[in-house]
Amino acid sequence: MKHEALTEKLIGAFYALYNELGHGFLESIYQRGYAFMLKDEGLPFVEQAPVRVTHRGRDLGEFKMDLVVENLVLVELKAVKVLDASHEKQVFNYLKATSIEVGLLFNFGPRAQVRRIILENEYKLQHKAAAAIS
């Protein structure tokens, strides 16, 4: 599994924070707590990592990923009742727009939820080439 050792550390930090705080706080509180967990683990990361989106050479704007760890794994945090397909699609689109191949989606809801989403760069290149041809 791609970046398995790193993702296992990240998942462990999520569960540790979830077990300490439980659910019911705003997403921003969990993000701050998670950032402290990563610092304690000595993992390099960027919070609110900006990504520009373009289409046919035109700038469409910018979105911010919650966290990018070691420039290898993006982490998206939620504090909702239950994860749904739109949350997974958000992470998938973030992967599609960047060179990052692994995304972790964590939910600090009534029940802890973890999703690992993979989109390999080789697929992204094939998809872009196919889109350009059609």
Protein backbone atom coordinates (compact mmCIF):
# COMPACT_ATOMS: atom_id res chain seq x y z
CA MET A 1 0.00 0.00 0.00
CA LYS A 2 1.40 3.40 -1.00
CA HIS A 3 2.93 5.36 1.92
CA GLU A 4 1.63 2.73 4.34
CA ALA A 5 3.95 3.54 7.26
CA LEU A 6 3.10 7.24 7.08
CA THR A 7 -0.65 6.71 6.71
CA GLU A 8 -0.67 4.33 9.67
CA LYS A 9 0.98 7.03 11.82
CA LEU A 10 -1.58 9.57 10.62
CA ILE A 11 -4.48 7.24 11.33
CA GLY A 12 -3.06 6.50 14.79
CA ALA A 13 -2.82 10.23 15.54
CA PHE A 14 -6.44 10.67 14.41
CA TYR A 15 -7.72 7.95 16.74
CA ALA A 16 -5.63 9.27 19.64
CA LEU A 17 -7.12 12.74 19.21
CA TYR A 18 -10.63 11.36 18.71
CA ASN A 19 -10.34 9.26 21.87
CA GLU A 20 -9.18 12.30 23.86
CA LEU A 21 -11.65 14.89 22.52
CA GLY A 22 -14.61 12.82 21.36
CA HIS A 23 -17.09 14.44 18.99
CA GLY A 24 -19.02 17.69 19.09
CA PHE A 25 -16.36 20.34 18.44
CA LEU A 26 -15.97 22.44 15.30
CA GLU A 27 -13.70 21.15 12.55
CA SER A 28 -11.25 24.00 13.24
CA ILE A 29 -10.68 22.69 16.79
CA TYR A 30 -9.91 19.21 15.49
CA GLN A 31 -7.57 20.63 12.85
CA ARG A 32 -5.63 22.56 15.45
CA GLY A 33 -5.44 19.53 17.74
CA TYR A 34 -4.39 17.29 14.85
CA ALA A 35 -1.64 19.75 13.89
CA PHE A 36 -0.31 19.54 17.46
CA MET A 37 -0.39 15.74 17.22
CA LEU A 38 1.68 15.88 14.01
CA LYS A 39 4.17 18.28 15.61
CA ASP A 40 4.51 15.91 18.57
CA GLU A 41 5.24 13.08 16.11
CA GLY A 42 7.87 15.21 14.37
CA LEU A 43 6.08 15.00 11.02
CA PRO A 44 6.53 17.89 8.58
CA PHE A 45 3.23 19.26 7.29
CA VAL A 46 1.52 22.29 5.81
CA GLU A 47 -1.86 23.51 7.02
CA GLN A 48 -4.35 25.05 4.60
CA ALA A 49 -2.11 24.16 1.65
CA PRO A 50 -3.24 26.28 -1.33
CA VAL A 51 -3.87 24.79 -4.78
CA ARG A 52 -4.69 26.84 -7.89
CA VAL A 53 -7.22 25.38 -10.32
CA THR A 54 -7.05 26.21 -14.00
CA HIS A 55 -9.13 25.23 -17.00
CA ARG A 56 -7.92 25.76 -20.55
CA GLY A 57 -5.27 28.10 -19.29
CA ARG A 58 -7.67 30.22 -17.25
CA ASP A 59 -7.39 30.62 -13.51
CA LEU A 60 -10.58 29.39 -11.83
CA GLY A 61 -9.48 30.09 -8.30
CA GLU A 62 -7.87 28.47 -5.33
CA PHE A 63 -8.86 25.89 -2.77
CA LYS A 64 -7.10 24.95 0.42
CA MET A 65 -6.40 21.42 1.59
CA ASP A 66 -6.64 20.98 5.37
CA LEU A 67 -3.19 19.41 5.75
CA VAL A 68 -0.47 17.98 3.54
CA VAL A 69 1.97 15.73 5.39
CA GLU A 70 5.53 15.17 4.11
CA ASN A 71 4.33 16.38 0.69
CA LEU A 72 2.96 12.84 0.27
CA VAL A 73 -0.43 12.55 1.95
CA LEU A 74 -3.30 15.00 2.11
CA VAL A 75 -5.51 14.92 5.17
CA GLU A 76 -9.07 16.23 5.04
CA LEU A 77 -10.87 16.61 8.36
CA LYS A 78 -14.62 16.62 8.88
CA ALA A 79 -16.85 16.98 11.92
CA VAL A 80 -20.17 15.75 10.53
CA LYS A 81 -22.74 13.17 11.56
CA VAL A 82 -21.61 10.73 8.88
CA LEU A 83 -19.31 10.87 5.86
CA ASP A 84 -21.02 10.72 2.49
CA ALA A 85 -19.98 10.43 -1.14
CA SER A 86 -19.51 14.21 -1.51
CA HIS A 87 -16.76 14.17 1.15
CA GLU A 88 -14.94 11.37 -0.65
CA LYS A 89 -15.37 13.16 -4.00
CA GLN A 90 -13.82 16.30 -2.47
CA VAL A 91 -10.67 14.36 -1.54
CA PHE A 92 -10.64 12.64 -4.93
CA ASN A 93 -10.78 16.03 -6.67
CA TYR A 94 -7.95 17.36 -4.47
CA LEU A 95 -5.85 14.36 -5.52
CA LYS A 96 -6.79 14.91 -9.15
CA ALA A 97 -5.69 18.57 -8.97
CA THR A 98 -2.31 17.84 -7.35
CA SER A 99 0.60 15.42 -7.64
CA ILE A 100 -0.35 13.88 -4.29
CA GLU A 101 -1.53 10.27 -4.66
CA VAL A 102 -2.87 9.41 -1.18
CA GLY A 103 -5.65 11.13 0.71
CA LEU A 104 -6.99 10.42 4.17
CA LEU A 105 -10.47 11.56 5.13
CA PHE A 106 -11.12 11.66 8.88
CA ASN A 107 -14.47 12.32 10.51
CA PHE A 108 -14.76 13.42 14.13
CA GLY A 109 -18.50 12.64 14.16
CA PRO A 110 -20.47 10.59 16.68
CA ARG A 111 -18.55 7.59 15.33
CA ALA A 112 -14.94 7.94 14.20
CA GLN A 113 -14.60 7.34 10.46
CA VAL A 114 -11.52 6.93 8.26
CA ARG A 115 -11.33 6.68 4.47
CA ARG A 116 -8.13 6.14 2.49
CA ILE A 117 -8.39 7.37 -1.10
CA ILE A 118 -5.72 6.64 -3.71
CA LEU A 119 -5.29 8.23 -7.13
CA GLU A 120 -1.97 7.35 -8.70
CA ASN A 121 -0.24 9.94 -10.85
CA GLU A 122 0.03 7.47 -13.73
CA TYR A 123 -3.77 7.38 -13.90
CA LYS A 124 -3.96 11.18 -13.75
CA LEU A 125 -1.60 11.48 -16.74
CA GLN A 126 -3.57 8.91 -18.75
CA HIS A 127 -6.84 10.64 -17.89
CA LYS A 128 -5.54 14.07 -18.89
CA ALA A 129 -4.13 12.68 -22.15
CA ALA A 130 -7.43 11.01 -22.95
CA ALA A 131 -9.34 14.20 -22.14
CA ALA A 132 -7.05 16.24 -24.41
CA ILE A 133 -7.58 13.82 -27.32
CA SER A 134 -11.38 13.76 -27.18
